[in-house]
Amino acid sequence: MADKRDYKQGYRKHYRTYKRLQCENADLNSRRLLLVYSVECGLKYLLLNQWHEESPKNILFGDDEKKKNVLRTHNLEKILKELGQQGAFKFPQLLTIHKDYISIENYHQLYRYCIRIKEKYKFVELVYEEELRKIAIWIEEGM
């Protein structure tokens, strides 16, 4: 299981690779997947830091159900809320060609599985990427 140091390293390594791929304008799906995972790692690092914990084991095997749920989620909005950033970043919904709505909680699946989105939602992908970049910058400032 990852600890606070691992989350920090995951954030930095994935975000550095994301920025390199962005500069090269390469591997769009992989680039965005790295971005969302780097942000998730960075946010979980900040959570542990805020809670004065070095390891999530202390939380996951403890009695605090709210913290457990926040730490286990892929929903970045829930994590941001716990960090006092509710509403600071906006994530619109995307619609896939399969007529499934994608929220920030399942956004990572879009790129992990290379799911295509409806053409008229292509610009929303750019909004997501920009919001995630803003969060990554905010995380860097908090480290």
C-alpha atoms as a PDB file:
ATOM      1  CA  MET A   1       0.000   0.000   0.000  1.00  0.00           C
ATOM      2  CA  ALA A   2       1.284   3.460  -0.884  1.00  0.00           C
ATOM      3  CA  ASP A   3       2.277   5.882   1.858  1.00  0.00           C
ATOM      4  CA  LYS A   4       2.550   9.670   1.862  1.00  0.00           C
ATOM      5  CA  ARG A   5       6.027   9.618   0.325  1.00  0.00           C
ATOM      6  CA  ASP A   6       4.834   7.284  -2.455  1.00  0.00           C
ATOM      7  CA  TYR A   7       1.899   9.557  -3.254  1.00  0.00           C
ATOM      8  CA  LYS A   8       4.250  12.521  -3.523  1.00  0.00           C
ATOM      9  CA  GLN A   9       6.630  10.627  -5.769  1.00  0.00           C
ATOM     10  CA  GLY A  10       3.733   9.328  -7.906  1.00  0.00           C
ATOM     11  CA  TYR A  11       2.446  12.860  -8.354  1.00  0.00           C
ATOM     12  CA  ARG A  12       5.823  14.264  -9.373  1.00  0.00           C
ATOM     13  CA  LYS A  13       6.867  11.428 -11.655  1.00  0.00           C
ATOM     14  CA  HIS A  14       3.538  11.202 -13.491  1.00  0.00           C
ATOM     15  CA  TYR A  15       3.161  14.969 -13.768  1.00  0.00           C
ATOM     16  CA  ARG A  16       6.704  15.368 -15.137  1.00  0.00           C
ATOM     17  CA  THR A  17       5.984  12.698 -17.763  1.00  0.00           C
ATOM     18  CA  TYR A  18       2.642  14.321 -18.595  1.00  0.00           C
ATOM     19  CA  LYS A  19       4.385  17.674 -19.209  1.00  0.00           C
ATOM     20  CA  ARG A  20       6.967  16.030 -21.462  1.00  0.00           C
ATOM     21  CA  LEU A  21       4.259  14.330 -23.528  1.00  0.00           C
ATOM     22  CA  GLN A  22       2.322  17.588 -23.687  1.00  0.00           C
ATOM     23  CA  CYS A  23       5.363  19.440 -25.047  1.00  0.00           C
ATOM     24  CA  GLU A  24       5.810  16.719 -27.653  1.00  0.00           C
ATOM     25  CA  ASN A  25       2.052  16.761 -28.382  1.00  0.00           C
ATOM     26  CA  ALA A  26       2.199  12.974 -28.064  1.00  0.00           C
ATOM     27  CA  ASP A  27       0.086  10.099 -26.818  1.00  0.00           C
ATOM     28  CA  LEU A  28      -3.072  12.012 -25.937  1.00  0.00           C
ATOM     29  CA  ASN A  29      -4.817   9.169 -24.066  1.00  0.00           C
ATOM     30  CA  SER A  30      -1.722   8.204 -22.090  1.00  0.00           C
ATOM     31  CA  ARG A  31      -0.894  11.840 -21.394  1.00  0.00           C
ATOM     32  CA  ARG A  32      -4.327  12.569 -19.944  1.00  0.00           C
ATOM     33  CA  LEU A  33      -4.321   9.334 -17.966  1.00  0.00           C
ATOM     34  CA  LEU A  34      -0.999  10.299 -16.410  1.00  0.00           C
ATOM     35  CA  LEU A  35      -2.369  13.734 -15.577  1.00  0.00           C
ATOM     36  CA  VAL A  36      -5.451  12.457 -13.757  1.00  0.00           C
ATOM     37  CA  TYR A  37      -3.439   9.874 -11.817  1.00  0.00           C
ATOM     38  CA  SER A  38      -0.759  12.397 -10.903  1.00  0.00           C
ATOM     39  CA  VAL A  39      -3.445  14.743  -9.585  1.00  0.00           C
ATOM     40  CA  GLU A  40      -5.067  11.930  -7.605  1.00  0.00           C
ATOM     41  CA  CYS A  41      -1.694  11.017  -6.066  1.00  0.00           C
ATOM     42  CA  GLY A  42      -0.948  14.635  -5.243  1.00  0.00           C
ATOM     43  CA  LEU A  43      -4.343  15.201  -3.654  1.00  0.00           C
ATOM     44  CA  LYS A  44      -4.014  12.073  -1.537  1.00  0.00           C
ATOM     45  CA  TYR A  45      -0.570  13.242  -0.438  1.00  0.00           C
ATOM     46  CA  LEU A  46      -2.106  16.564   0.634  1.00  0.00           C
ATOM     47  CA  LEU A  47      -4.882  14.700   2.471  1.00  0.00           C
ATOM     48  CA  LEU A  48      -2.424  12.629   4.466  1.00  0.00           C
ATOM     49  CA  ASN A  49      -0.410  15.741   5.169  1.00  0.00           C
ATOM     50  CA  GLN A  50      -3.516  17.597   6.380  1.00  0.00           C
ATOM     51  CA  TRP A  51      -4.472  14.661   8.591  1.00  0.00           C
ATOM     52  CA  HIS A  52      -0.900  14.412   9.966  1.00  0.00           C
ATOM     53  CA  GLU A  53      -0.621  10.795   8.793  1.00  0.00           C
ATOM     54  CA  GLU A  54       2.326   9.128   7.093  1.00  0.00           C
ATOM     55  CA  SER A  55       0.408   6.054   5.971  1.00  0.00           C
ATOM     56  CA  PRO A  56      -3.184   5.458   4.885  1.00  0.00           C
ATOM     57  CA  LYS A  57      -3.077   2.180   6.844  1.00  0.00           C
ATOM     58  CA  ASN A  58      -3.724   4.158  10.019  1.00  0.00           C
ATOM     59  CA  ILE A  59      -6.945   5.436   8.459  1.00  0.00           C
ATOM     60  CA  LEU A  60      -8.084   2.420   6.454  1.00  0.00           C
ATOM     61  CA  PHE A  61      -7.856   0.137   9.483  1.00  0.00           C
ATOM     62  CA  GLY A  62      -9.184   2.731  11.924  1.00  0.00           C
ATOM     63  CA  ASP A  63     -12.653   3.898  12.877  1.00  0.00           C
ATOM     64  CA  ASP A  64     -12.963   7.070  10.785  1.00  0.00           C
ATOM     65  CA  GLU A  65     -15.338   6.029   7.980  1.00  0.00           C
ATOM     66  CA  LYS A  66     -15.441   9.486   6.387  1.00  0.00           C
ATOM     67  CA  LYS A  67     -11.665   9.580   5.938  1.00  0.00           C
ATOM     68  CA  LYS A  68     -11.658   5.994   4.631  1.00  0.00           C
ATOM     69  CA  ASN A  69     -14.247   6.869   1.982  1.00  0.00           C
ATOM     70  CA  VAL A  70     -12.350   9.960   0.874  1.00  0.00           C
ATOM     71  CA  LEU A  71      -9.048   8.105   0.680  1.00  0.00           C
ATOM     72  CA  ARG A  72     -10.511   5.203  -1.324  1.00  0.00           C
ATOM     73  CA  THR A  73     -12.332   7.322  -3.899  1.00  0.00           C
ATOM     74  CA  HIS A  74     -11.337   8.321  -7.416  1.00  0.00           C
ATOM     75  CA  ASN A  75     -13.765  11.226  -7.121  1.00  0.00           C
ATOM     76  CA  LEU A  76     -11.420  14.199  -7.128  1.00  0.00           C
ATOM     77  CA  GLU A  77     -14.261  16.537  -6.171  1.00  0.00           C
ATOM     78  CA  LYS A  78     -14.732  14.659  -2.875  1.00  0.00           C
ATOM     79  CA  ILE A  79     -11.019  14.882  -2.167  1.00  0.00           C
ATOM     80  CA  LEU A  80     -10.928  18.571  -3.076  1.00  0.00           C
ATOM     81  CA  LYS A  81     -13.885  19.182  -0.768  1.00  0.00           C
ATOM     82  CA  GLU A  82     -12.027  17.519   2.106  1.00  0.00           C
ATOM     83  CA  LEU A  83      -9.072  19.800   1.340  1.00  0.00           C
ATOM     84  CA  GLY A  84     -11.289  22.892   1.502  1.00  0.00           C
ATOM     85  CA  GLN A  85     -11.315  23.455  -2.262  1.00  0.00           C
ATOM     86  CA  GLN A  86     -14.951  22.623  -2.998  1.00  0.00           C
ATOM     87  CA  GLY A  87     -16.066  24.470  -6.111  1.00  0.00           C
ATOM     88  CA  ALA A  88     -12.613  25.876  -6.863  1.00  0.00           C
ATOM     89  CA  PHE A  89     -12.306  23.620  -9.925  1.00  0.00           C
ATOM     90  CA  LYS A  90     -15.136  22.800 -12.331  1.00  0.00           C
ATOM     91  CA  PHE A  91     -15.597  19.508 -14.156  1.00  0.00           C
ATOM     92  CA  PRO A  92     -18.368  19.339 -16.768  1.00  0.00           C
ATOM     93  CA  GLN A  93     -19.802  16.010 -17.873  1.00  0.00           C
ATOM     94  CA  LEU A  94     -18.647  14.239 -20.998  1.00  0.00           C
ATOM     95  CA  LEU A  95     -20.780  11.892 -23.098  1.00  0.00           C
ATOM     96  CA  THR A  96     -19.229   8.817 -24.677  1.00  0.00           C
ATOM     97  CA  ILE A  97     -20.218   7.294 -27.987  1.00  0.00           C
ATOM     98  CA  HIS A  98     -21.863   4.587 -25.847  1.00  0.00           C
ATOM     99  CA  LYS A  99     -24.131   7.275 -24.344  1.00  0.00           C
ATOM    100  CA  ASP A 100     -22.502   7.015 -20.914  1.00  0.00           C
ATOM    101  CA  TYR A 101     -21.864  10.179 -18.951  1.00  0.00           C
ATOM    102  CA  ILE A 102     -18.360  10.599 -17.606  1.00  0.00           C
ATOM    103  CA  SER A 103     -17.843  12.519 -14.389  1.00  0.00           C
ATOM    104  CA  ILE A 104     -14.566  13.260 -12.644  1.00  0.00           C
ATOM    105  CA  GLU A 105     -15.003  10.080 -10.593  1.00  0.00           C
ATOM    106  CA  ASN A 106     -14.783   7.819 -13.640  1.00  0.00           C
ATOM    107  CA  TYR A 107     -12.765  10.150 -15.891  1.00  0.00           C
ATOM    108  CA  HIS A 108      -9.650   7.972 -15.563  1.00  0.00           C
ATOM    109  CA  GLN A 109     -11.537   5.100 -17.222  1.00  0.00           C
ATOM    110  CA  LEU A 110     -12.083   7.195 -20.335  1.00  0.00           C
ATOM    111  CA  TYR A 111      -8.362   7.176 -21.076  1.00  0.00           C
ATOM    112  CA  ARG A 112      -7.415   3.890 -19.463  1.00  0.00           C
ATOM    113  CA  TYR A 113      -9.751   2.093 -21.881  1.00  0.00           C
ATOM    114  CA  CYS A 114      -9.431   4.616 -24.740  1.00  0.00           C
ATOM    115  CA  ILE A 115     -13.176   5.201 -24.796  1.00  0.00           C
ATOM    116  CA  ARG A 116     -14.268   7.609 -27.482  1.00  0.00           C
ATOM    117  CA  ILE A 117     -16.522  10.531 -26.701  1.00  0.00           C
ATOM    118  CA  LYS A 118     -19.199  12.125 -28.836  1.00  0.00           C
ATOM    119  CA  GLU A 119     -17.769  14.630 -31.275  1.00  0.00           C
ATOM    120  CA  LYS A 120     -19.660  17.604 -29.856  1.00  0.00           C
ATOM    121  CA  TYR A 121     -17.997  16.962 -26.441  1.00  0.00           C
ATOM    122  CA  LYS A 122     -14.414  17.108 -27.747  1.00  0.00           C
ATOM    123  CA  PHE A 123     -13.930  20.662 -26.445  1.00  0.00           C
ATOM    124  CA  VAL A 124     -14.961  19.483 -22.963  1.00  0.00           C
ATOM    125  CA  GLU A 125     -11.928  17.198 -22.907  1.00  0.00           C
ATOM    126  CA  LEU A 126      -9.776  20.317 -23.131  1.00  0.00           C
ATOM    127  CA  VAL A 127     -11.681  21.856 -20.207  1.00  0.00           C
ATOM    128  CA  TYR A 128     -10.987  18.751 -18.118  1.00  0.00           C
ATOM    129  CA  GLU A 129      -7.321  18.770 -18.989  1.00  0.00           C
ATOM    130  CA  GLU A 130      -7.011  22.462 -18.135  1.00  0.00           C
ATOM    131  CA  GLU A 131      -8.773  22.028 -14.781  1.00  0.00           C
ATOM    132  CA  LEU A 132      -6.533  19.084 -13.927  1.00  0.00           C
ATOM    133  CA  ARG A 133      -3.464  21.165 -14.839  1.00  0.00           C
ATOM    134  CA  LYS A 134      -4.697  23.935 -12.528  1.00  0.00           C
ATOM    135  CA  ILE A 135      -5.063  21.410  -9.717  1.00  0.00           C
ATOM    136  CA  ALA A 136      -1.582  20.025 -10.407  1.00  0.00           C
ATOM    137  CA  ILE A 137      -0.130  23.528 -10.109  1.00  0.00           C
ATOM    138  CA  TRP A 138      -2.060  24.092  -6.873  1.00  0.00           C
ATOM    139  CA  ILE A 139      -0.735  20.772  -5.524  1.00  0.00           C
ATOM    140  CA  GLU A 140       2.847  21.752  -6.379  1.00  0.00           C
ATOM    141  CA  GLU A 141       2.403  24.962  -4.419  1.00  0.00           C
ATOM    142  CA  GLY A 142       1.197  22.960  -1.403  1.00  0.00           C
ATOM    143  CA  MET A 143       4.094  20.509  -1.364  1.00  0.00           C
END
